[in-house]
Structure formats: C-alpha cells, structure tokens
C-alpha cells in the first residue's frame, strides 16, 4: 500500500472522520464484525491495498486487507476521494468460495 494512502486512512480514522455506508453497515452486521475490529484493521500495520480502483466513476477507492488483533482477516472497500471523510463502502470476512487466500481472488467460472 502506498504509504500516503495508508497515512490518509489512518489519519481520518484517528480523527473519527470516517463512516460506513448503509451497505457496509448491513454487511458488518451479517458477518458479525464489530466496530472495534474495523478500527483495529484500519489502524493496523498489516493494512494493505490488494485491489486499487483509482478510476471508479463514483470516486477513487481501494480494497484493503487487514487483520484484527485476533488475526482474523477483514476486507474493506474504502472510498478515498472525498477531502474530509473516509467512506467504508463495504466490509466483510473473505470466504473460501471466492478467495484462494485473503489476498487473491479465485477465477470466476464462465
């Protein structure tokens, strides 16, 4: 992950300048991810971009991977284009049906 993006994310989280979209809140509840786990991941040294979407029509975003203190992987898609707030677009625990490991997607069958 670019150190600048990591610093931007972590600065906004520390300043409480982030929010979850309604979709992310729904997914957080469905996967039983606590707010504490989200903050642990966003503030962790293990934070890394695994997919970058700089040209997304809705604004630049990225898929990040981080681990909780209990070493549970969590994915978050974060919108980073707004000047004063980080938007968590979705959050989930990667599953074996879609991911080889927490960093690499399985190829979709045609």
PDB file of N, CA and C in Angstrom:
ATOM      1  N   UNK A   1       0.838  -1.171   0.000  1.00  0.00           N
ATOM      2  CA  UNK A   1       0.000   0.000   0.000  1.00  0.00           C
ATOM      3  C   UNK A   1       0.881   1.231   0.000  1.00  0.00           C
ATOM      4  N   UNK A   2       0.486   2.146  -0.788  1.00  0.00           N
ATOM      5  CA  UNK A   2       1.192   3.416  -0.754  1.00  0.00           C
ATOM      6  C   UNK A   2       1.133   3.976   0.662  1.00  0.00           C
ATOM      7  N   UNK A   3       2.259   4.423   1.127  1.00  0.00           N
ATOM      8  CA  UNK A   3       2.309   4.988   2.477  1.00  0.00           C
ATOM      9  C   UNK A   3       1.374   6.196   2.598  1.00  0.00           C
ATOM     10  N   UNK A   4       1.198   6.926   1.499  1.00  0.00           N
ATOM     11  CA  UNK A   4       0.317   8.103   1.529  1.00  0.00           C
ATOM     12  C   UNK A   4      -1.137   7.689   1.741  1.00  0.00           C
ATOM     13  N   UNK A   5      -1.575   6.625   1.071  1.00  0.00           N
ATOM     14  CA  UNK A   5      -2.956   6.158   1.241  1.00  0.00           C
ATOM     15  C   UNK A   5      -3.150   5.602   2.649  1.00  0.00           C
ATOM     16  N   UNK A   6      -2.194   4.819   3.110  1.00  0.00           N
ATOM     17  CA  UNK A   6      -2.280   4.273   4.470  1.00  0.00           C
ATOM     18  C   UNK A   6      -2.341   5.410   5.489  1.00  0.00           C
ATOM     19  N   UNK A   7      -1.493   6.412   5.337  1.00  0.00           N
ATOM     20  CA  UNK A   7      -1.482   7.549   6.251  1.00  0.00           C
ATOM     21  C   UNK A   7      -2.807   8.307   6.200  1.00  0.00           C
ATOM     22  N   UNK A   8      -3.347   8.488   4.997  1.00  0.00           N
ATOM     23  CA  UNK A   8      -4.627   9.172   4.833  1.00  0.00           C
ATOM     24  C   UNK A   8      -5.735   8.420   5.572  1.00  0.00           C
ATOM     25  N   UNK A   9      -5.820   7.119   5.350  1.00  0.00           N
ATOM     26  CA  UNK A   9      -6.836   6.283   6.006  1.00  0.00           C
ATOM     27  C   UNK A   9      -6.695   6.378   7.516  1.00  0.00           C
ATOM     28  N   UNK A  10      -5.489   6.177   8.010  1.00  0.00           N
ATOM     29  CA  UNK A  10      -5.291   6.135   9.453  1.00  0.00           C
ATOM     30  C   UNK A  10      -5.485   7.493  10.112  1.00  0.00           C
ATOM     31  N   UNK A  11      -5.121   8.562   9.438  1.00  0.00           N
ATOM     32  CA  UNK A  11      -5.355   9.905   9.968  1.00  0.00           C
ATOM     33  C   UNK A  11      -6.848  10.167  10.109  1.00  0.00           C
ATOM     34  N   UNK A  12      -7.607   9.790   9.094  1.00  0.00           N
ATOM     35  CA  UNK A  12      -9.062  10.014   9.145  1.00  0.00           C
ATOM     36  C   UNK A  12      -9.724   9.149  10.217  1.00  0.00           C
ATOM     37  N   UNK A  13      -9.262   7.928  10.379  1.00  0.00           N
ATOM     38  CA  UNK A  13      -9.843   7.060  11.413  1.00  0.00           C
ATOM     39  C   UNK A  13      -9.530   7.623  12.798  1.00  0.00           C
ATOM     40  N   UNK A  14      -8.291   8.002  13.023  1.00  0.00           N
ATOM     41  CA  UNK A  14      -7.916   8.567  14.331  1.00  0.00           C
ATOM     42  C   UNK A  14      -8.704   9.839  14.653  1.00  0.00           C
ATOM     43  N   UNK A  15      -9.049  10.608  13.626  1.00  0.00           N
ATOM     44  CA  UNK A  15      -9.809  11.850  13.813  1.00  0.00           C
ATOM     45  C   UNK A  15     -11.317  11.598  13.774  1.00  0.00           C
ATOM     46  N   UNK A  16     -11.706  10.339  13.702  1.00  0.00           N
ATOM     47  CA  UNK A  16     -13.119   9.947  13.618  1.00  0.00           C
ATOM     48  C   UNK A  16     -13.793  10.575  12.395  1.00  0.00           C
ATOM     49  N   UNK A  17     -13.037  10.687  11.308  1.00  0.00           N
ATOM     50  CA  UNK A  17     -13.549  11.236  10.057  1.00  0.00           C
ATOM     51  C   UNK A  17     -13.782  10.111   9.052  1.00  0.00           C
ATOM     52  N   UNK A  18     -14.558   9.139   9.478  1.00  0.00           N
ATOM     53  CA  UNK A  18     -14.920   8.052   8.581  1.00  0.00           C
ATOM     54  C   UNK A  18     -16.324   7.593   8.931  1.00  0.00           C
ATOM     55  N   UNK A  19     -16.958   6.973   7.953  1.00  0.00           N
ATOM     56  CA  UNK A  19     -18.292   6.434   8.199  1.00  0.00           C
ATOM     57  C   UNK A  19     -18.502   5.213   7.322  1.00  0.00           C
ATOM     58  N   UNK A  20     -19.467   4.413   7.707  1.00  0.00           N
ATOM     59  CA  UNK A  20     -19.841   3.247   6.928  1.00  0.00           C
ATOM     60  C   UNK A  20     -21.068   3.582   6.098  1.00  0.00           C
ATOM     61  N   UNK A  21     -21.061   3.136   4.843  1.00  0.00           N
ATOM     62  CA  UNK A  21     -22.258   3.273   4.027  1.00  0.00           C
ATOM     63  C   UNK A  21     -23.328   2.347   4.606  1.00  0.00           C
ATOM     64  N   UNK A  22     -24.564   2.516   4.187  1.00  0.00           N
ATOM     65  CA  UNK A  22     -25.620   1.623   4.676  1.00  0.00           C
ATOM     66  C   UNK A  22     -25.336   0.184   4.247  1.00  0.00           C
ATOM     67  N   UNK A  23     -24.761   0.003   3.065  1.00  0.00           N
ATOM     68  CA  UNK A  23     -24.387  -1.340   2.606  1.00  0.00           C
ATOM     69  C   UNK A  23     -23.324  -1.941   3.523  1.00  0.00           C
ATOM     70  N   UNK A  24     -22.318  -1.150   3.866  1.00  0.00           N
ATOM     71  CA  UNK A  24     -21.254  -1.640   4.751  1.00  0.00           C
ATOM     72  C   UNK A  24     -21.813  -1.990   6.125  1.00  0.00           C
ATOM     73  N   UNK A  25     -22.720  -1.175   6.621  1.00  0.00           N
ATOM     74  CA  UNK A  25     -23.328  -1.464   7.929  1.00  0.00           C
ATOM     75  C   UNK A  25     -24.095  -2.788   7.874  1.00  0.00           C
ATOM     76  N   UNK A  26     -24.817  -3.010   6.797  1.00  0.00           N
ATOM     77  CA  UNK A  26     -25.551  -4.271   6.627  1.00  0.00           C
ATOM     78  C   UNK A  26     -24.585  -5.459   6.582  1.00  0.00           C
ATOM     79  N   UNK A  27     -23.517  -5.334   5.807  1.00  0.00           N
ATOM     80  CA  UNK A  27     -22.529  -6.413   5.693  1.00  0.00           C
ATOM     81  C   UNK A  27     -21.788  -6.623   7.021  1.00  0.00           C
ATOM     82  N   UNK A  28     -21.509  -5.547   7.731  1.00  0.00           N
ATOM     83  CA  UNK A  28     -20.848  -5.646   9.030  1.00  0.00           C
ATOM     84  C   UNK A  28     -21.692  -6.486   9.983  1.00  0.00           C
ATOM     85  N   UNK A  29     -22.974  -6.202  10.016  1.00  0.00           N
ATOM     86  CA  UNK A  29     -23.873  -6.962  10.885  1.00  0.00           C
ATOM     87  C   UNK A  29     -23.989  -8.411  10.430  1.00  0.00           C
ATOM     88  N   UNK A  30     -24.098  -8.642   9.116  1.00  0.00           N
ATOM     89  CA  UNK A  30     -24.248 -10.001   8.591  1.00  0.00           C
ATOM     90  C   UNK A  30     -23.027 -10.866   8.897  1.00  0.00           C
ATOM     91  N   UNK A  31     -21.830 -10.277   8.819  1.00  0.00           N
ATOM     92  CA  UNK A  31     -20.595 -11.024   9.093  1.00  0.00           C
ATOM     93  C   UNK A  31     -20.156 -10.922  10.554  1.00  0.00           C
ATOM     94  N   UNK A  32     -20.972 -10.253  11.362  1.00  0.00           N
ATOM     95  CA  UNK A  32     -20.691 -10.092  12.794  1.00  0.00           C
ATOM     96  C   UNK A  32     -19.307  -9.482  13.043  1.00  0.00           C
ATOM     97  N   UNK A  33     -19.085  -8.389  12.352  1.00  0.00           N
ATOM     98  CA  UNK A  33     -17.834  -7.638  12.504  1.00  0.00           C
ATOM     99  C   UNK A  33     -18.122  -6.452  13.413  1.00  0.00           C
ATOM    100  N   UNK A  34     -17.369  -6.339  14.465  1.00  0.00           N
ATOM    101  CA  UNK A  34     -17.594  -5.245  15.412  1.00  0.00           C
ATOM    102  C   UNK A  34     -16.908  -3.963  14.931  1.00  0.00           C
ATOM    103  N   UNK A  35     -17.374  -2.842  15.481  1.00  0.00           N
ATOM    104  CA  UNK A  35     -16.717  -1.563  15.195  1.00  0.00           C
ATOM    105  C   UNK A  35     -15.271  -1.607  15.666  1.00  0.00           C
ATOM    106  N   UNK A  36     -15.036  -2.266  16.785  1.00  0.00           N
ATOM    107  CA  UNK A  36     -13.674  -2.388  17.308  1.00  0.00           C
ATOM    108  C   UNK A  36     -12.776  -3.112  16.310  1.00  0.00           C
ATOM    109  N   UNK A  37     -13.289  -4.192  15.693  1.00  0.00           N
ATOM    110  CA  UNK A  37     -12.493  -4.917  14.700  1.00  0.00           C
ATOM    111  C   UNK A  37     -12.199  -4.040  13.490  1.00  0.00           C
ATOM    112  N   UNK A  38     -13.166  -3.254  13.062  1.00  0.00           N
ATOM    113  CA  UNK A  38     -12.950  -2.358  11.919  1.00  0.00           C
ATOM    114  C   UNK A  38     -11.835  -1.368  12.244  1.00  0.00           C
ATOM    115  N   UNK A  39     -11.890  -0.766  13.405  1.00  0.00           N
ATOM    116  CA  UNK A  39     -10.842   0.190  13.778  1.00  0.00           C
ATOM    117  C   UNK A  39      -9.493  -0.500  13.952  1.00  0.00           C
ATOM    118  N   UNK A  40      -9.472  -1.713  14.512  1.00  0.00           N
ATOM    119  CA  UNK A  40      -8.212  -2.456  14.636  1.00  0.00           C
ATOM    120  C   UNK A  40      -7.578  -2.656  13.265  1.00  0.00           C
ATOM    121  N   UNK A  41      -8.402  -3.050  12.290  1.00  0.00           N
ATOM    122  CA  UNK A  41      -7.898  -3.296  10.939  1.00  0.00           C
ATOM    123  C   UNK A  41      -7.403  -1.999  10.303  1.00  0.00           C
ATOM    124  N   UNK A  42      -8.218  -0.957  10.365  1.00  0.00           N
ATOM    125  CA  UNK A  42      -7.857   0.304   9.715  1.00  0.00           C
ATOM    126  C   UNK A  42      -6.626   0.958  10.325  1.00  0.00           C
ATOM    127  N   UNK A  43      -6.366   0.689  11.592  1.00  0.00           N
ATOM    128  CA  UNK A  43      -5.209   1.294  12.249  1.00  0.00           C
ATOM    129  C   UNK A  43      -4.004   0.362  12.342  1.00  0.00           C
ATOM    130  N   UNK A  44      -4.132  -0.852  11.820  1.00  0.00           N
ATOM    131  CA  UNK A  44      -3.054  -1.833  11.971  1.00  0.00           C
ATOM    132  C   UNK A  44      -1.905  -1.593  10.993  1.00  0.00           C
ATOM    133  N   UNK A  45      -0.739  -2.070  11.369  1.00  0.00           N
ATOM    134  CA  UNK A  45       0.422  -2.013  10.481  1.00  0.00           C
ATOM    135  C   UNK A  45       0.288  -2.998   9.325  1.00  0.00           C
ATOM    136  N   UNK A  46      -0.602  -3.994   9.460  1.00  0.00           N
ATOM    137  CA  UNK A  46      -0.774  -5.009   8.422  1.00  0.00           C
ATOM    138  C   UNK A  46      -1.647  -4.531   7.264  1.00  0.00           C
ATOM    139  N   UNK A  47      -2.207  -3.340   7.374  1.00  0.00           N
ATOM    140  CA  UNK A  47      -3.104  -2.805   6.354  1.00  0.00           C
ATOM    141  C   UNK A  47      -2.422  -2.796   4.988  1.00  0.00           C
ATOM    142  N   UNK A  48      -3.105  -3.346   3.966  1.00  0.00           N
ATOM    143  CA  UNK A  48      -2.532  -3.344   2.616  1.00  0.00           C
ATOM    144  C   UNK A  48      -3.611  -3.276   1.554  1.00  0.00           C
ATOM    145  N   UNK A  49      -3.322  -2.556   0.471  1.00  0.00           N
ATOM    146  CA  UNK A  49      -4.226  -2.493  -0.676  1.00  0.00           C
ATOM    147  C   UNK A  49      -4.014  -3.756  -1.499  1.00  0.00           C
ATOM    148  N   UNK A  50      -5.108  -4.463  -1.767  1.00  0.00           N
ATOM    149  CA  UNK A  50      -4.979  -5.645  -2.624  1.00  0.00           C
ATOM    150  C   UNK A  50      -5.608  -5.416  -3.997  1.00  0.00           C
ATOM    151  N   UNK A  51      -6.474  -4.423  -4.109  1.00  0.00           N
ATOM    152  CA  UNK A  51      -7.002  -4.001  -5.403  1.00  0.00           C
ATOM    153  C   UNK A  51      -7.205  -2.486  -5.331  1.00  0.00           C
ATOM    154  N   UNK A  52      -6.820  -1.799  -6.392  1.00  0.00           N
ATOM    155  CA  UNK A  52      -6.922  -0.345  -6.430  1.00  0.00           C
ATOM    156  C   UNK A  52      -7.896   0.032  -7.536  1.00  0.00           C
ATOM    157  N   UNK A  53      -8.802   0.954  -7.245  1.00  0.00           N
ATOM    158  CA  UNK A  53      -9.801   1.402  -8.214  1.00  0.00           C
ATOM    159  C   UNK A  53      -9.722   2.923  -8.364  1.00  0.00           C
ATOM    160  N   UNK A  54      -8.623   3.443  -8.923  1.00  0.00           N
ATOM    161  CA  UNK A  54      -8.449   4.899  -8.994  1.00  0.00           C
ATOM    162  C   UNK A  54      -9.422   5.584  -9.945  1.00  0.00           C
ATOM    163  N   UNK A  55      -9.953   4.852 -10.918  1.00  0.00           N
ATOM    164  CA  UNK A  55     -10.827   5.459 -11.921  1.00  0.00           C
ATOM    165  C   UNK A  55     -12.293   5.080 -11.750  1.00  0.00           C
ATOM    166  N   UNK A  56     -12.665   4.608 -10.577  1.00  0.00           N
ATOM    167  CA  UNK A  56     -14.063   4.259 -10.335  1.00  0.00           C
ATOM    168  C   UNK A  56     -14.924   5.494 -10.565  1.00  0.00           C
ATOM    169  N   UNK A  57     -16.007   5.372 -11.333  1.00  0.00           N
ATOM    170  CA  UNK A  57     -16.855   6.536 -11.618  1.00  0.00           C
ATOM    171  C   UNK A  57     -17.425   7.208 -10.369  1.00  0.00           C
ATOM    172  N   UNK A  58     -17.539   6.464  -9.272  1.00  0.00           N
ATOM    173  CA  UNK A  58     -18.071   7.033  -8.027  1.00  0.00           C
ATOM    174  C   UNK A  58     -16.984   7.724  -7.210  1.00  0.00           C
ATOM    175  N   UNK A  59     -15.736   7.616  -7.646  1.00  0.00           N
ATOM    176  CA  UNK A  59     -14.609   8.209  -6.925  1.00  0.00           C
ATOM    177  C   UNK A  59     -13.567   7.149  -6.616  1.00  0.00           C
ATOM    178  N   UNK A  60     -12.343   7.571  -6.461  1.00  0.00           N
ATOM    179  CA  UNK A  60     -11.242   6.645  -6.192  1.00  0.00           C
ATOM    180  C   UNK A  60     -11.532   5.825  -4.937  1.00  0.00           C
ATOM    181  N   UNK A  61     -11.213   4.539  -5.031  1.00  0.00           N
ATOM    182  CA  UNK A  61     -11.411   3.647  -3.894  1.00  0.00           C
ATOM    183  C   UNK A  61     -10.397   2.516  -3.987  1.00  0.00           C
ATOM    184  N   UNK A  62     -10.370   1.700  -2.946  1.00  0.00           N
ATOM    185  CA  UNK A  62      -9.466   0.564  -2.950  1.00  0.00           C
ATOM    186  C   UNK A  62     -10.002  -0.521  -2.031  1.00  0.00           C
ATOM    187  N   UNK A  63      -9.640  -1.752  -2.348  1.00  0.00           N
ATOM    188  CA  UNK A  63      -9.954  -2.901  -1.499  1.00  0.00           C
ATOM    189  C   UNK A  63      -8.745  -3.133  -0.621  1.00  0.00           C
ATOM    190  N   UNK A  64      -8.962  -3.077   0.680  1.00  0.00           N
ATOM    191  CA  UNK A  64      -7.854  -3.272   1.596  1.00  0.00           C
ATOM    192  C   UNK A  64      -8.068  -4.523   2.440  1.00  0.00           C
ATOM    193  N   UNK A  65      -6.968  -5.081   2.853  1.00  0.00           N
ATOM    194  CA  UNK A  65      -6.944  -6.241   3.730  1.00  0.00           C
ATOM    195  C   UNK A  65      -6.197  -5.849   4.988  1.00  0.00           C
ATOM    196  N   UNK A  66      -6.748  -6.247   6.088  1.00  0.00           N
ATOM    197  CA  UNK A  66      -6.070  -6.062   7.360  1.00  0.00           C
ATOM    198  C   UNK A  66      -6.483  -7.180   8.296  1.00  0.00           C
ATOM    199  N   UNK A  67      -5.780  -7.273   9.397  1.00  0.00           N
ATOM    200  CA  UNK A  67      -6.042  -8.336  10.371  1.00  0.00           C
ATOM    201  C   UNK A  67      -6.371  -7.719  11.724  1.00  0.00           C
ATOM    202  N   UNK A  68      -7.323  -8.332  12.395  1.00  0.00           N
ATOM    203  CA  UNK A  68      -7.656  -7.914  13.746  1.00  0.00           C
ATOM    204  C   UNK A  68      -6.548  -8.379  14.687  1.00  0.00           C
ATOM    205  N   UNK A  69      -6.632  -7.968  15.929  1.00  0.00           N
ATOM    206  CA  UNK A  69      -5.653  -8.444  16.917  1.00  0.00           C
ATOM    207  C   UNK A  69      -5.714  -9.953  17.082  1.00  0.00           C
ATOM    208  N   UNK A  70      -6.889 -10.542  16.817  1.00  0.00           N
ATOM    209  CA  UNK A  70      -7.049 -11.998  16.890  1.00  0.00           C
ATOM    210  C   UNK A  70      -6.628 -12.672  15.580  1.00  0.00           C
ATOM    211  N   UNK A  71      -6.013 -11.897  14.675  1.00  0.00           N
ATOM    212  CA  UNK A  71      -5.501 -12.372  13.382  1.00  0.00           C
ATOM    213  C   UNK A  71      -6.599 -12.873  12.444  1.00  0.00           C
ATOM    214  N   UNK A  72      -7.780 -12.276  12.532  1.00  0.00           N
ATOM    215  CA  UNK A  72      -8.871 -12.576  11.608  1.00  0.00           C
ATOM    216  C   UNK A  72      -8.782 -11.588  10.447  1.00  0.00           C
ATOM    217  N   UNK A  73      -8.770 -12.087   9.197  1.00  0.00           N
ATOM    218  CA  UNK A  73      -8.699 -11.166   8.052  1.00  0.00           C
ATOM    219  C   UNK A  73     -10.044 -10.491   7.807  1.00  0.00           C
ATOM    220  N   UNK A  74      -9.972  -9.237   7.437  1.00  0.00           N
ATOM    221  CA  UNK A  74     -11.163  -8.474   7.069  1.00  0.00           C
ATOM    222  C   UNK A  74     -10.829  -7.655   5.827  1.00  0.00           C
ATOM    223  N   UNK A  75     -11.773  -7.626   4.885  1.00  0.00           N
ATOM    224  CA  UNK A  75     -11.661  -6.791   3.696  1.00  0.00           C
ATOM    225  C   UNK A  75     -12.566  -5.579   3.868  1.00  0.00           C
ATOM    226  N   UNK A  76     -12.081  -4.445   3.417  1.00  0.00           N
ATOM    227  CA  UNK A  76     -12.881  -3.227   3.379  1.00  0.00           C
ATOM    228  C   UNK A  76     -12.643  -2.547   2.036  1.00  0.00           C
ATOM    229  N   UNK A  77     -13.703  -2.094   1.404  1.00  0.00           N
ATOM    230  CA  UNK A  77     -13.560  -1.224   0.246  1.00  0.00           C
ATOM    231  C   UNK A  77     -13.787   0.184   0.766  1.00  0.00           C
ATOM    232  N   UNK A  78     -12.780   1.022   0.560  1.00  0.00           N
ATOM    233  CA  UNK A  78     -12.814   2.383   1.110  1.00  0.00           C
ATOM    234  C   UNK A  78     -12.788   3.408  -0.006  1.00  0.00           C
ATOM    235  N   UNK A  79     -13.714   4.344   0.068  1.00  0.00           N
ATOM    236  CA  UNK A  79     -13.709   5.491  -0.830  1.00  0.00           C
ATOM    237  C   UNK A  79     -12.772   6.543  -0.269  1.00  0.00           C
ATOM    238  N   UNK A  80     -11.795   6.939  -1.066  1.00  0.00           N
ATOM    239  CA  UNK A  80     -10.757   7.850  -0.579  1.00  0.00           C
ATOM    240  C   UNK A  80     -10.738   9.188  -1.306  1.00  0.00           C
ATOM    241  N   UNK A  81     -11.759   9.456  -2.121  1.00  0.00           N
ATOM    242  CA  UNK A  81     -11.704  10.668  -2.943  1.00  0.00           C
ATOM    243  C   UNK A  81     -12.278  11.905  -2.269  1.00  0.00           C
ATOM    244  N   UNK A  82     -13.074  11.758  -1.228  1.00  0.00           N
ATOM    245  CA  UNK A  82     -13.624  12.933  -0.555  1.00  0.00           C
ATOM    246  C   UNK A  82     -12.541  13.593   0.301  1.00  0.00           C
ATOM    247  N   UNK A  83     -12.513  14.916   0.357  1.00  0.00           N
ATOM    248  CA  UNK A  83     -11.416  15.594   1.051  1.00  0.00           C
ATOM    249  C   UNK A  83     -11.451  15.503   2.575  1.00  0.00           C
ATOM    250  N   UNK A  84     -12.610  15.213   3.155  1.00  0.00           N
ATOM    251  CA  UNK A  84     -12.679  15.292   4.614  1.00  0.00           C
ATOM    252  C   UNK A  84     -13.234  14.055   5.304  1.00  0.00           C
ATOM    253  N   UNK A  85     -13.545  13.005   4.557  1.00  0.00           N
ATOM    254  CA  UNK A  85     -14.107  11.810   5.188  1.00  0.00           C
ATOM    255  C   UNK A  85     -13.739  10.566   4.379  1.00  0.00           C
ATOM    256  N   UNK A  86     -13.490   9.498   5.109  1.00  0.00           N
ATOM    257  CA  UNK A  86     -13.245   8.192   4.514  1.00  0.00           C
ATOM    258  C   UNK A  86     -14.569   7.446   4.534  1.00  0.00           C
ATOM    259  N   UNK A  87     -14.965   6.896   3.404  1.00  0.00           N
ATOM    260  CA  UNK A  87     -16.210   6.145   3.320  1.00  0.00           C
ATOM    261  C   UNK A  87     -15.871   4.662   3.206  1.00  0.00           C
ATOM    262  N   UNK A  88     -16.349   3.873   4.148  1.00  0.00           N
ATOM    263  CA  UNK A  88     -16.226   2.424   4.044  1.00  0.00           C
ATOM    264  C   UNK A  88     -17.451   1.972   3.258  1.00  0.00           C
ATOM    265  N   UNK A  89     -17.207   1.535   2.030  1.00  0.00           N
ATOM    266  CA  UNK A  89     -18.282   1.173   1.112  1.00  0.00           C
ATOM    267  C   UNK A  89     -18.827  -0.210   1.439  1.00  0.00           C
ATOM    268  N   UNK A  90     -17.932  -1.128   1.754  1.00  0.00           N
ATOM    269  CA  UNK A  90     -18.343  -2.453   2.205  1.00  0.00           C
ATOM    270  C   UNK A  90     -17.264  -3.028   3.102  1.00  0.00           C
ATOM    271  N   UNK A  91     -17.651  -3.991   3.900  1.00  0.00           N
ATOM    272  CA  UNK A  91     -16.734  -4.670   4.817  1.00  0.00           C
ATOM    273  C   UNK A  91     -17.215  -6.111   4.932  1.00  0.00           C
ATOM    274  N   UNK A  92     -16.273  -7.044   4.908  1.00  0.00           N
ATOM    275  CA  UNK A  92     -16.652  -8.457   5.007  1.00  0.00           C
ATOM    276  C   UNK A  92     -15.441  -9.299   5.367  1.00  0.00           C
ATOM    277  N   UNK A  93     -15.729 -10.515   5.780  1.00  0.00           N
ATOM    278  CA  UNK A  93     -14.677 -11.503   6.011  1.00  0.00           C
ATOM    279  C   UNK A  93     -14.525 -12.291   4.704  1.00  0.00           C
ATOM    280  N   UNK A  94     -13.319 -12.369   4.154  1.00  0.00           N
ATOM    281  CA  UNK A  94     -13.142 -13.127   2.905  1.00  0.00           C
ATOM    282  C   UNK A  94     -13.493 -14.599   3.134  1.00  0.00           C
ATOM    283  N   UNK A  95     -14.174 -15.191   2.139  1.00  0.00           N
ATOM    284  CA  UNK A  95     -14.555 -16.600   2.287  1.00  0.00           C
ATOM    285  C   UNK A  95     -13.862 -17.470   1.249  1.00  0.00           C
ATOM    286  N   UNK A  96     -13.755 -18.744   1.554  1.00  0.00           N
ATOM    287  CA  UNK A  96     -13.021 -19.698   0.720  1.00  0.00           C
ATOM    288  C   UNK A  96     -13.684 -19.939  -0.625  1.00  0.00           C
ATOM    289  N   UNK A  97     -14.956 -19.621  -0.756  1.00  0.00           N
ATOM    290  CA  UNK A  97     -15.639 -19.806  -2.040  1.00  0.00           C
ATOM    291  C   UNK A  97     -15.172 -18.787  -3.079  1.00  0.00           C
ATOM    292  N   UNK A  98     -14.734 -17.613  -2.635  1.00  0.00           N
ATOM    293  CA  UNK A  98     -14.344 -16.546  -3.554  1.00  0.00           C
ATOM    294  C   UNK A  98     -12.865 -16.205  -3.533  1.00  0.00           C
ATOM    295  N   UNK A  99     -12.166 -16.640  -2.484  1.00  0.00           N
ATOM    296  CA  UNK A  99     -10.778 -16.238  -2.302  1.00  0.00           C
ATOM    297  C   UNK A  99      -9.878 -17.457  -2.118  1.00  0.00           C
ATOM    298  N   UNK A 100      -8.736 -17.476  -2.807  1.00  0.00           N
ATOM    299  CA  UNK A 100      -7.732 -18.532  -2.622  1.00  0.00           C
ATOM    300  C   UNK A 100      -7.142 -18.383  -1.231  1.00  0.00           C
ATOM    301  N   UNK A 101      -6.770 -17.181  -0.925  1.00  0.00           N
ATOM    302  CA  UNK A 101      -6.364 -16.793   0.423  1.00  0.00           C
ATOM    303  C   UNK A 101      -6.921 -15.381   0.608  1.00  0.00           C
ATOM    304  N   UNK A 102      -6.558 -14.703   1.606  1.00  0.00           N
ATOM    305  CA  UNK A 102      -7.136 -13.378   1.852  1.00  0.00           C
ATOM    306  C   UNK A 102      -6.684 -12.319   0.868  1.00  0.00           C
ATOM    307  N   UNK A 103      -5.691 -12.649   0.024  1.00  0.00           N
ATOM    308  CA  UNK A 103      -5.130 -11.668  -0.913  1.00  0.00           C
ATOM    309  C   UNK A 103      -5.475 -11.922  -2.376  1.00  0.00           C
ATOM    310  N   UNK A 104      -5.855 -13.130  -2.722  1.00  0.00           N
ATOM    311  CA  UNK A 104      -6.020 -13.479  -4.138  1.00  0.00           C
ATOM    312  C   UNK A 104      -7.391 -14.079  -4.402  1.00  0.00           C
ATOM    313  N   UNK A 105      -8.122 -13.448  -5.363  1.00  0.00           N
ATOM    314  CA  UNK A 105      -9.445 -13.945  -5.754  1.00  0.00           C
ATOM    315  C   UNK A 105      -9.313 -15.226  -6.568  1.00  0.00           C
ATOM    316  N   UNK A 106     -10.311 -16.087  -6.437  1.00  0.00           N
ATOM    317  CA  UNK A 106     -10.413 -17.228  -7.334  1.00  0.00           C
ATOM    318  C   UNK A 106     -10.940 -16.722  -8.662  1.00  0.00           C
ATOM    319  N   UNK A 107     -10.563 -17.403  -9.726  1.00  0.00           N
ATOM    320  CA  UNK A 107     -11.097 -17.037 -11.030  1.00  0.00           C
ATOM    321  C   UNK A 107     -12.550 -17.452 -11.096  1.00  0.00           C
ATOM    322  N   UNK A 108     -13.364 -16.571 -11.674  1.00  0.00           N
ATOM    323  CA  UNK A 108     -14.783 -16.883 -11.827  1.00  0.00           C
ATOM    324  C   UNK A 108     -14.963 -17.870 -12.966  1.00  0.00           C
ATOM    325  N   UNK A 109     -15.848 -18.833 -12.739  1.00  0.00           N
ATOM    326  CA  UNK A 109     -16.166 -19.805 -13.798  1.00  0.00           C
ATOM    327  C   UNK A 109     -17.091 -19.160 -14.793  1.00  0.00           C
ATOM    328  N   UNK A 110     -16.895 -19.524 -16.055  1.00  0.00           N
ATOM    329  CA  UNK A 110     -17.749 -18.958 -17.114  1.00  0.00           C
ATOM    330  C   UNK A 110     -18.934 -19.845 -17.378  1.00  0.00           C
TER     331      UNK A 110
END
